[in-house]
Amino acid sequence: MKRFFSFPNPVNDAAARTVALGVVTMSMLALIMNWAWLLIPITYGFVARVAAGPKISPLGQFAVRVAAPRLTSWQKSVPGPPKRFAQALGLVLSGTASVVWLSVGWGSARWILLPLIGAASLEGFLGYCLGCVIFGWLIRARLVPEAVCLECGDLSVRYAATGYDTK
């Protein structure tokens, strides 16, 4: 059971970006078409991915099995813990939007999707994971133990791999 409720580490960045693009697509459809009901699969997807990675997430399964293998230019391994944290942030936003929709109405809930769309767009289109950056800050502030993700606390390793000089 413990293995089922685990998150992959490392994560295929192509799959993570595909999931983000799926979230952008569903969230934009919800806003444009006034389909508040799309909050249900959006929120479920985040619950599923936080709990068990892509195993019980239809969008996660599509990303891992169909889209990611074809996106060869996006293929790289990235640490799993910050991606799980990013999914948890998405769960907070989509879950809040769902609660607001059910209690106050769609007119208020729809605005909560905007930061979700922004963060997912950064990840999906640019490969910039805002949740991962925040996770790194939390490690450096010692609010998350460095042992959770040794690679995450020291961004200079990632910058060096891209040729960016941090000095």
N, C-alpha and C. Protein backbone atom coordinates (compact mmCIF):
# COMPACT_ATOMS: atom_id res chain seq x y z
N MET A 1 0.82 -1.19 0.00
CA MET A 1 0.00 0.00 0.00
C MET A 1 0.87 1.26 0.00
N LYS A 2 1.97 1.20 0.78
CA LYS A 2 2.87 2.36 0.84
C LYS A 2 3.45 2.66 -0.54
N ARG A 3 3.77 1.62 -1.28
CA ARG A 3 4.33 1.81 -2.62
C ARG A 3 3.31 2.45 -3.56
N PHE A 4 2.04 2.08 -3.39
CA PHE A 4 1.00 2.65 -4.24
C PHE A 4 0.90 4.15 -4.02
N PHE A 5 0.93 4.57 -2.75
CA PHE A 5 0.82 5.99 -2.42
C PHE A 5 2.20 6.62 -2.36
N SER A 6 2.90 6.53 -3.46
CA SER A 6 4.23 7.12 -3.57
C SER A 6 4.26 8.03 -4.80
N PHE A 7 5.30 8.80 -4.89
CA PHE A 7 5.46 9.71 -6.01
C PHE A 7 6.77 9.37 -6.69
N PRO A 8 6.82 9.37 -8.01
CA PRO A 8 8.06 8.99 -8.69
C PRO A 8 9.20 9.97 -8.40
N ASN A 9 10.39 9.43 -8.31
CA ASN A 9 11.59 10.25 -8.14
C ASN A 9 12.74 9.49 -8.78
N PRO A 10 13.26 9.98 -9.89
CA PRO A 10 12.99 11.27 -10.53
C PRO A 10 11.71 11.22 -11.38
N VAL A 11 11.38 12.40 -11.90
CA VAL A 11 10.19 12.59 -12.73
C VAL A 11 10.65 12.95 -14.14
N ASN A 12 9.96 12.43 -15.14
CA ASN A 12 10.21 12.80 -16.52
C ASN A 12 9.61 14.20 -16.73
N ASP A 13 10.45 15.17 -17.04
CA ASP A 13 9.98 16.55 -17.19
C ASP A 13 8.95 16.68 -18.32
N ALA A 14 9.08 15.87 -19.35
CA ALA A 14 8.10 15.91 -20.45
C ALA A 14 6.71 15.55 -19.94
N ALA A 15 6.63 14.57 -19.05
CA ALA A 15 5.33 14.19 -18.47
C ALA A 15 4.79 15.31 -17.59
N ALA A 16 5.66 15.90 -16.77
CA ALA A 16 5.22 17.00 -15.89
C ALA A 16 4.70 18.18 -16.71
N ARG A 17 5.40 18.51 -17.77
CA ARG A 17 4.97 19.63 -18.61
C ARG A 17 3.66 19.31 -19.34
N THR A 18 3.49 18.05 -19.74
CA THR A 18 2.24 17.64 -20.40
C THR A 18 1.07 17.76 -19.44
N VAL A 19 1.25 17.32 -18.20
CA VAL A 19 0.20 17.45 -17.19
C VAL A 19 -0.15 18.93 -17.01
N ALA A 20 0.86 19.77 -16.92
CA ALA A 20 0.62 21.21 -16.75
C ALA A 20 -0.18 21.78 -17.92
N LEU A 21 0.14 21.36 -19.12
CA LEU A 21 -0.61 21.83 -20.29
C LEU A 21 -2.05 21.33 -20.27
N GLY A 22 -2.26 20.14 -19.75
CA GLY A 22 -3.63 19.63 -19.58
C GLY A 22 -4.41 20.46 -18.57
N VAL A 23 -3.76 20.85 -17.49
CA VAL A 23 -4.40 21.70 -16.48
C VAL A 23 -4.74 23.06 -17.08
N VAL A 24 -3.83 23.62 -17.86
CA VAL A 24 -4.08 24.91 -18.52
C VAL A 24 -5.30 24.77 -19.44
N THR A 25 -5.32 23.72 -20.23
CA THR A 25 -6.42 23.51 -21.19
C THR A 25 -7.77 23.39 -20.48
N MET A 26 -7.83 22.54 -19.45
CA MET A 26 -9.11 22.36 -18.74
C MET A 26 -9.53 23.63 -18.02
N SER A 27 -8.57 24.34 -17.43
CA SER A 27 -8.89 25.57 -16.70
C SER A 27 -9.36 26.67 -17.65
N MET A 28 -8.71 26.78 -18.80
CA MET A 28 -9.13 27.78 -19.78
C MET A 28 -10.52 27.44 -20.33
N LEU A 29 -10.77 26.16 -20.59
CA LEU A 29 -12.10 25.74 -21.04
C LEU A 29 -13.16 26.09 -19.99
N ALA A 30 -12.85 25.85 -18.73
CA ALA A 30 -13.79 26.19 -17.66
C ALA A 30 -14.11 27.67 -17.67
N LEU A 31 -13.09 28.50 -17.82
CA LEU A 31 -13.31 29.95 -17.83
C LEU A 31 -14.06 30.42 -19.08
N ILE A 32 -13.61 29.99 -20.23
CA ILE A 32 -14.19 30.47 -21.49
C ILE A 32 -15.63 29.97 -21.68
N MET A 33 -15.86 28.70 -21.35
CA MET A 33 -17.18 28.10 -21.58
C MET A 33 -18.11 28.23 -20.37
N ASN A 34 -17.61 28.79 -19.28
CA ASN A 34 -18.38 28.86 -18.03
C ASN A 34 -18.79 27.47 -17.55
N TRP A 35 -17.86 26.54 -17.64
CA TRP A 35 -18.09 25.17 -17.22
C TRP A 35 -17.46 24.94 -15.85
N ALA A 36 -18.13 25.39 -14.83
CA ALA A 36 -17.61 25.23 -13.47
C ALA A 36 -17.40 23.77 -13.11
N TRP A 37 -18.19 22.88 -13.69
CA TRP A 37 -18.08 21.46 -13.38
C TRP A 37 -16.69 20.90 -13.68
N LEU A 38 -15.92 21.58 -14.54
CA LEU A 38 -14.56 21.11 -14.83
C LEU A 38 -13.65 21.19 -13.61
N LEU A 39 -14.07 21.95 -12.60
CA LEU A 39 -13.30 21.98 -11.35
C LEU A 39 -13.23 20.58 -10.72
N ILE A 40 -14.23 19.76 -10.96
CA ILE A 40 -14.25 18.42 -10.38
C ILE A 40 -13.09 17.56 -10.92
N PRO A 41 -12.95 17.41 -12.25
CA PRO A 41 -11.80 16.61 -12.72
C PRO A 41 -10.45 17.30 -12.48
N ILE A 42 -10.42 18.62 -12.50
CA ILE A 42 -9.16 19.32 -12.23
C ILE A 42 -8.71 19.02 -10.80
N THR A 43 -9.62 19.18 -9.86
CA THR A 43 -9.28 18.95 -8.45
C THR A 43 -8.98 17.48 -8.20
N TYR A 44 -9.79 16.59 -8.77
CA TYR A 44 -9.50 15.15 -8.61
C TYR A 44 -8.10 14.82 -9.12
N GLY A 45 -7.73 15.38 -10.26
CA GLY A 45 -6.41 15.11 -10.83
C GLY A 45 -5.29 15.49 -9.87
N PHE A 46 -5.42 16.65 -9.23
CA PHE A 46 -4.40 17.06 -8.26
C PHE A 46 -4.39 16.14 -7.05
N VAL A 47 -5.57 15.76 -6.54
CA VAL A 47 -5.64 14.82 -5.41
C VAL A 47 -4.93 13.52 -5.79
N ALA A 48 -5.25 13.00 -6.96
CA ALA A 48 -4.68 11.73 -7.41
C ALA A 48 -3.16 11.83 -7.55
N ARG A 49 -2.68 12.91 -8.16
CA ARG A 49 -1.24 13.03 -8.39
C ARG A 49 -0.47 13.28 -7.09
N VAL A 50 -1.03 14.04 -6.16
CA VAL A 50 -0.36 14.23 -4.87
C VAL A 50 -0.31 12.91 -4.12
N ALA A 51 -1.40 12.16 -4.15
CA ALA A 51 -1.48 10.91 -3.40
C ALA A 51 -0.63 9.79 -4.00
N ALA A 52 -0.64 9.65 -5.31
CA ALA A 52 -0.02 8.46 -5.91
C ALA A 52 0.71 8.74 -7.22
N GLY A 53 1.12 9.97 -7.46
CA GLY A 53 1.78 10.27 -8.73
C GLY A 53 0.80 10.09 -9.87
N PRO A 54 1.26 9.61 -11.02
CA PRO A 54 0.35 9.48 -12.17
C PRO A 54 -0.52 8.22 -12.16
N LYS A 55 -0.35 7.34 -11.17
CA LYS A 55 -1.01 6.04 -11.18
C LYS A 55 -2.53 6.10 -11.34
N ILE A 56 -3.21 7.00 -10.63
CA ILE A 56 -4.68 7.04 -10.66
C ILE A 56 -5.19 8.36 -11.23
N SER A 57 -4.33 9.05 -11.94
CA SER A 57 -4.70 10.29 -12.60
C SER A 57 -4.83 10.05 -14.10
N PRO A 58 -6.03 10.21 -14.68
CA PRO A 58 -6.14 10.03 -16.13
C PRO A 58 -5.20 10.94 -16.91
N LEU A 59 -5.07 12.18 -16.50
CA LEU A 59 -4.16 13.10 -17.17
C LEU A 59 -2.71 12.65 -16.98
N GLY A 60 -2.39 12.18 -15.79
CA GLY A 60 -1.04 11.67 -15.52
C GLY A 60 -0.72 10.45 -16.38
N GLN A 61 -1.69 9.55 -16.52
CA GLN A 61 -1.48 8.37 -17.36
C GLN A 61 -1.28 8.76 -18.82
N PHE A 62 -2.09 9.70 -19.31
CA PHE A 62 -1.92 10.18 -20.68
C PHE A 62 -0.53 10.78 -20.87
N ALA A 63 -0.11 11.57 -19.89
CA ALA A 63 1.20 12.24 -19.99
C ALA A 63 2.34 11.22 -20.02
N VAL A 64 2.29 10.25 -19.12
CA VAL A 64 3.38 9.28 -18.99
C VAL A 64 3.41 8.29 -20.15
N ARG A 65 2.23 7.81 -20.55
CA ARG A 65 2.18 6.73 -21.54
C ARG A 65 2.07 7.18 -22.99
N VAL A 66 1.45 8.34 -23.23
CA VAL A 66 1.20 8.76 -24.61
C VAL A 66 2.06 9.97 -25.01
N ALA A 67 1.92 11.06 -24.29
CA ALA A 67 2.54 12.31 -24.73
C ALA A 67 4.05 12.37 -24.48
N ALA A 68 4.47 12.09 -23.26
CA ALA A 68 5.89 12.25 -22.90
C ALA A 68 6.85 11.45 -23.79
N PRO A 69 6.54 10.20 -24.10
CA PRO A 69 7.48 9.46 -24.96
C PRO A 69 7.69 10.10 -26.33
N ARG A 70 6.73 10.90 -26.76
CA ARG A 70 6.83 11.53 -28.09
C ARG A 70 7.51 12.90 -28.04
N LEU A 71 7.62 13.47 -26.85
CA LEU A 71 8.20 14.81 -26.70
C LEU A 71 9.70 14.67 -26.37
N THR A 72 10.45 14.25 -27.35
CA THR A 72 11.86 13.94 -27.12
C THR A 72 12.70 15.15 -26.70
N SER A 73 12.36 16.32 -27.16
CA SER A 73 13.15 17.50 -26.80
C SER A 73 12.92 17.94 -25.35
N TRP A 74 11.85 17.46 -24.72
CA TRP A 74 11.55 17.82 -23.33
C TRP A 74 12.02 16.75 -22.35
N GLN A 75 12.60 15.67 -22.86
CA GLN A 75 13.00 14.55 -22.00
C GLN A 75 14.17 14.93 -21.12
N LYS A 76 13.95 14.91 -19.81
CA LYS A 76 15.02 15.01 -18.83
C LYS A 76 14.45 14.59 -17.49
N SER A 77 15.30 14.10 -16.65
CA SER A 77 14.88 13.69 -15.31
C SER A 77 15.05 14.85 -14.35
N VAL A 78 14.02 15.09 -13.55
CA VAL A 78 14.05 16.15 -12.54
C VAL A 78 13.62 15.54 -11.21
N PRO A 79 14.01 16.16 -10.09
CA PRO A 79 13.66 15.61 -8.78
C PRO A 79 12.15 15.54 -8.57
N GLY A 80 11.69 14.47 -7.93
CA GLY A 80 10.27 14.26 -7.69
C GLY A 80 9.67 15.09 -6.55
N PRO A 81 10.36 15.24 -5.40
CA PRO A 81 9.74 15.96 -4.28
C PRO A 81 9.22 17.36 -4.61
N PRO A 82 9.97 18.19 -5.35
CA PRO A 82 9.40 19.50 -5.67
C PRO A 82 8.21 19.43 -6.63
N LYS A 83 8.19 18.43 -7.49
CA LYS A 83 7.04 18.27 -8.40
C LYS A 83 5.80 17.88 -7.60
N ARG A 84 5.99 17.03 -6.59
CA ARG A 84 4.85 16.67 -5.73
C ARG A 84 4.36 17.90 -4.96
N PHE A 85 5.29 18.71 -4.49
CA PHE A 85 4.92 19.95 -3.80
C PHE A 85 4.14 20.87 -4.75
N ALA A 86 4.59 20.98 -5.98
CA ALA A 86 3.89 21.80 -6.98
C ALA A 86 2.47 21.28 -7.20
N GLN A 87 2.32 19.96 -7.25
CA GLN A 87 0.98 19.37 -7.39
C GLN A 87 0.12 19.70 -6.16
N ALA A 88 0.74 19.72 -4.98
CA ALA A 88 0.00 20.07 -3.76
C ALA A 88 -0.47 21.53 -3.81
N LEU A 89 0.36 22.41 -4.36
CA LEU A 89 -0.07 23.81 -4.51
C LEU A 89 -1.24 23.90 -5.49
N GLY A 90 -1.19 23.12 -6.56
CA GLY A 90 -2.31 23.07 -7.50
C GLY A 90 -3.57 22.54 -6.84
N LEU A 91 -3.40 21.57 -5.94
CA LEU A 91 -4.54 21.04 -5.19
C LEU A 91 -5.15 22.12 -4.29
N VAL A 92 -4.30 22.91 -3.64
CA VAL A 92 -4.81 23.98 -2.78
C VAL A 92 -5.63 24.97 -3.61
N LEU A 93 -5.10 25.37 -4.77
CA LEU A 93 -5.82 26.34 -5.61
C LEU A 93 -7.11 25.75 -6.19
N SER A 94 -7.02 24.56 -6.77
CA SER A 94 -8.22 23.97 -7.38
C SER A 94 -9.23 23.57 -6.31
N GLY A 95 -8.76 23.08 -5.17
CA GLY A 95 -9.66 22.72 -4.08
C GLY A 95 -10.37 23.95 -3.52
N THR A 96 -9.63 25.04 -3.37
CA THR A 96 -10.24 26.29 -2.92
C THR A 96 -11.27 26.77 -3.92
N ALA A 97 -10.94 26.72 -5.21
CA ALA A 97 -11.89 27.12 -6.25
C ALA A 97 -13.15 26.26 -6.18
N SER A 98 -12.99 24.97 -5.93
CA SER A 98 -14.15 24.07 -5.85
C SER A 98 -15.04 24.42 -4.66
N VAL A 99 -14.42 24.66 -3.52
CA VAL A 99 -15.19 25.01 -2.31
C VAL A 99 -15.91 26.34 -2.52
N VAL A 100 -15.21 27.32 -3.10
CA VAL A 100 -15.83 28.63 -3.34
C VAL A 100 -16.98 28.47 -4.34
N TRP A 101 -16.77 27.68 -5.38
CA TRP A 101 -17.85 27.44 -6.37
C TRP A 101 -19.09 26.86 -5.70
N LEU A 102 -18.90 25.86 -4.86
CA LEU A 102 -20.03 25.20 -4.22
C LEU A 102 -20.69 26.07 -3.14
N SER A 103 -19.93 26.97 -2.54
CA SER A 103 -20.50 27.76 -1.44
C SER A 103 -20.93 29.17 -1.87
N VAL A 104 -20.16 29.80 -2.73
CA VAL A 104 -20.43 31.19 -3.12
C VAL A 104 -20.91 31.30 -4.56
N GLY A 105 -20.32 30.49 -5.43
CA GLY A 105 -20.71 30.52 -6.83
C GLY A 105 -19.52 30.63 -7.77
N TRP A 106 -19.78 30.35 -9.02
CA TRP A 106 -18.76 30.34 -10.07
C TRP A 106 -18.15 31.71 -10.28
N GLY A 107 -18.94 32.77 -10.14
CA GLY A 107 -18.43 34.11 -10.36
C GLY A 107 -17.22 34.44 -9.51
N SER A 108 -17.19 33.96 -8.29
CA SER A 108 -16.03 34.17 -7.41
C SER A 108 -14.96 33.11 -7.62
N ALA A 109 -15.37 31.87 -7.82
CA ALA A 109 -14.42 30.76 -7.94
C ALA A 109 -13.52 30.88 -9.16
N ARG A 110 -14.06 31.41 -10.23
CA ARG A 110 -13.31 31.48 -11.49
C ARG A 110 -12.01 32.27 -11.35
N TRP A 111 -11.99 33.26 -10.47
CA TRP A 111 -10.79 34.09 -10.29
C TRP A 111 -9.64 33.32 -9.65
N ILE A 112 -9.98 32.28 -8.91
CA ILE A 112 -8.95 31.47 -8.26
C ILE A 112 -8.19 30.63 -9.29
N LEU A 113 -8.81 30.41 -10.45
CA LEU A 113 -8.14 29.64 -11.50
C LEU A 113 -7.01 30.43 -12.16
N LEU A 114 -7.05 31.75 -12.08
CA LEU A 114 -6.03 32.55 -12.78
C LEU A 114 -4.60 32.26 -12.30
N PRO A 115 -4.32 32.24 -10.98
CA PRO A 115 -2.95 31.88 -10.59
C PRO A 115 -2.60 30.44 -10.94
N LEU A 116 -3.58 29.55 -10.93
CA LEU A 116 -3.34 28.16 -11.34
C LEU A 116 -2.94 28.11 -12.81
N ILE A 117 -3.67 28.84 -13.64
CA ILE A 117 -3.35 28.89 -15.07
C ILE A 117 -1.97 29.51 -15.28
N GLY A 118 -1.66 30.55 -14.53
CA GLY A 118 -0.35 31.19 -14.66
C GLY A 118 0.79 30.23 -14.32
N ALA A 119 0.70 29.57 -13.18
CA ALA A 119 1.76 28.64 -12.76
C ALA A 119 1.86 27.45 -13.71
N ALA A 120 0.72 26.89 -14.11
CA ALA A 120 0.74 25.74 -15.02
C ALA A 120 1.25 26.14 -16.40
N SER A 121 0.98 27.36 -16.83
CA SER A 121 1.49 27.84 -18.12
C SER A 121 3.01 27.98 -18.09
N LEU A 122 3.54 28.50 -16.99
CA LEU A 122 5.00 28.60 -16.85
C LEU A 122 5.64 27.22 -16.97
N GLU A 123 5.04 26.25 -16.28
CA GLU A 123 5.57 24.88 -16.32
C GLU A 123 5.41 24.27 -17.71
N GLY A 124 4.21 24.33 -18.24
CA GLY A 124 3.91 23.64 -19.50
C GLY A 124 4.62 24.23 -20.70
N PHE A 125 4.58 25.56 -20.84
CA PHE A 125 5.15 26.19 -22.02
C PHE A 125 6.64 26.48 -21.91
N LEU A 126 7.10 26.82 -20.70
CA LEU A 126 8.50 27.23 -20.53
C LEU A 126 9.36 26.26 -19.74
N GLY A 127 8.73 25.28 -19.09
CA GLY A 127 9.49 24.36 -18.26
C GLY A 127 9.97 24.98 -16.96
N TYR A 128 9.31 26.06 -16.53
CA TYR A 128 9.67 26.75 -15.29
C TYR A 128 8.65 26.38 -14.23
N CYS A 129 9.08 25.60 -13.25
CA CYS A 129 8.18 25.11 -12.20
C CYS A 129 8.21 26.05 -11.00
N LEU A 130 7.19 26.86 -10.89
CA LEU A 130 7.09 27.82 -9.78
C LEU A 130 7.06 27.10 -8.44
N GLY A 131 6.31 26.01 -8.35
CA GLY A 131 6.26 25.23 -7.12
C GLY A 131 7.63 24.67 -6.74
N CYS A 132 8.42 24.30 -7.74
CA CYS A 132 9.76 23.79 -7.48
C CYS A 132 10.67 24.88 -6.93
N VAL A 133 10.53 26.08 -7.45
CA VAL A 133 11.31 27.22 -6.95
C VAL A 133 10.95 27.49 -5.49
N ILE A 134 9.65 27.51 -5.20
CA ILE A 134 9.20 27.74 -3.82
C ILE A 134 9.72 26.63 -2.91
N PHE A 135 9.69 25.39 -3.39
CA PHE A 135 10.20 24.26 -2.62
C PHE A 135 11.68 24.47 -2.28
N GLY A 136 12.46 24.93 -3.25
CA GLY A 136 13.88 25.23 -3.00
C GLY A 136 14.05 26.31 -1.95
N TRP A 137 13.21 27.34 -2.01
CA TRP A 137 13.26 28.40 -0.99
C TRP A 137 12.97 27.83 0.39
N LEU A 138 11.98 26.94 0.48
CA LEU A 138 11.62 26.34 1.77
C LEU A 138 12.76 25.49 2.32
N ILE A 139 13.49 24.83 1.45
CA ILE A 139 14.65 24.05 1.90
C ILE A 139 15.74 24.99 2.41
N ARG A 140 16.02 26.04 1.65
CA ARG A 140 17.06 26.97 2.07
C ARG A 140 16.69 27.72 3.36
N ALA A 141 15.39 27.91 3.59
CA ALA A 141 14.92 28.55 4.82
C ALA A 141 14.83 27.53 5.96
N ARG A 142 15.18 26.28 5.67
CA ARG A 142 15.15 25.17 6.63
C ARG A 142 13.75 24.85 7.15
N LEU A 143 12.74 25.16 6.36
CA LEU A 143 11.36 24.79 6.70
C LEU A 143 11.04 23.38 6.19
N VAL A 144 11.82 22.93 5.21
CA VAL A 144 11.76 21.56 4.71
C VAL A 144 13.17 21.00 4.87
N PRO A 145 13.31 19.81 5.46
CA PRO A 145 14.65 19.24 5.64
C PRO A 145 15.36 19.04 4.29
N GLU A 146 16.62 19.39 4.25
CA GLU A 146 17.40 19.26 3.02
C GLU A 146 17.47 17.81 2.54
N ALA A 147 17.37 16.87 3.48
CA ALA A 147 17.43 15.45 3.12
C ALA A 147 16.26 15.03 2.23
N VAL A 148 15.17 15.77 2.22
CA VAL A 148 14.02 15.46 1.37
C VAL A 148 14.43 15.52 -0.10
N CYS A 149 15.29 16.47 -0.42
CA CYS A 149 15.76 16.62 -1.81
C CYS A 149 17.08 17.38 -1.79
N LEU A 150 18.18 16.66 -1.76
CA LEU A 150 19.49 17.29 -1.70
C LEU A 150 19.76 18.19 -2.90
N GLU A 151 19.30 17.77 -4.04
CA GLU A 151 19.51 18.51 -5.29
C GLU A 151 18.73 19.83 -5.31
N CYS A 152 17.66 19.91 -4.53
CA CYS A 152 16.76 21.07 -4.59
C CYS A 152 17.27 22.28 -3.84
N GLY A 153 18.01 22.07 -2.78
CA GLY A 153 18.47 23.18 -1.98
C GLY A 153 19.58 23.98 -2.62
N ASP A 154 20.34 23.36 -3.52
CA ASP A 154 21.47 24.02 -4.15
C ASP A 154 21.18 24.20 -5.64
N LEU A 155 20.66 25.37 -6.00
CA LEU A 155 20.31 25.63 -7.39
C LEU A 155 21.53 25.80 -8.28
N SER A 156 22.71 26.03 -7.68
CA SER A 156 23.91 26.23 -8.49
C SER A 156 24.23 24.99 -9.33
N VAL A 157 23.86 23.81 -8.83
CA VAL A 157 24.08 22.57 -9.59
C VAL A 157 23.27 22.61 -10.88
N ARG A 158 22.00 23.05 -10.76
CA ARG A 158 21.15 23.12 -11.95
C ARG A 158 21.62 24.21 -12.90
N TYR A 159 22.02 25.35 -12.35
CA TYR A 159 22.50 26.44 -13.20
C TYR A 159 23.77 26.02 -13.94
N ALA A 160 24.67 25.34 -13.25
CA ALA A 160 25.92 24.89 -13.88
C ALA A 160 25.63 23.93 -15.04
N ALA A 161 24.62 23.08 -14.86
CA ALA A 161 24.26 22.13 -15.92
C ALA A 161 23.75 22.83 -17.16
N THR A 162 23.20 24.04 -17.01
CA THR A 162 22.69 24.78 -18.16
C THR A 162 23.71 25.76 -18.72
N GLY A 163 24.86 25.86 -18.04
CA GLY A 163 25.90 26.79 -18.50
C GLY A 163 25.76 28.19 -17.92
N TYR A 164 24.80 28.40 -17.03
CA TYR A 164 24.58 29.70 -16.41
C TYR A 164 25.56 29.90 -15.27
N ASP A 165 26.27 31.01 -15.27
CA ASP A 165 27.26 31.31 -14.24
C ASP A 165 26.57 32.05 -13.09
N THR A 166 26.59 31.48 -11.89
CA THR A 166 25.93 32.10 -10.75
C THR A 166 26.81 33.11 -10.04
N LYS A 167 28.05 33.28 -10.46
CA LYS A 167 28.95 34.24 -9.80
C LYS A 167 28.96 35.57 -10.45
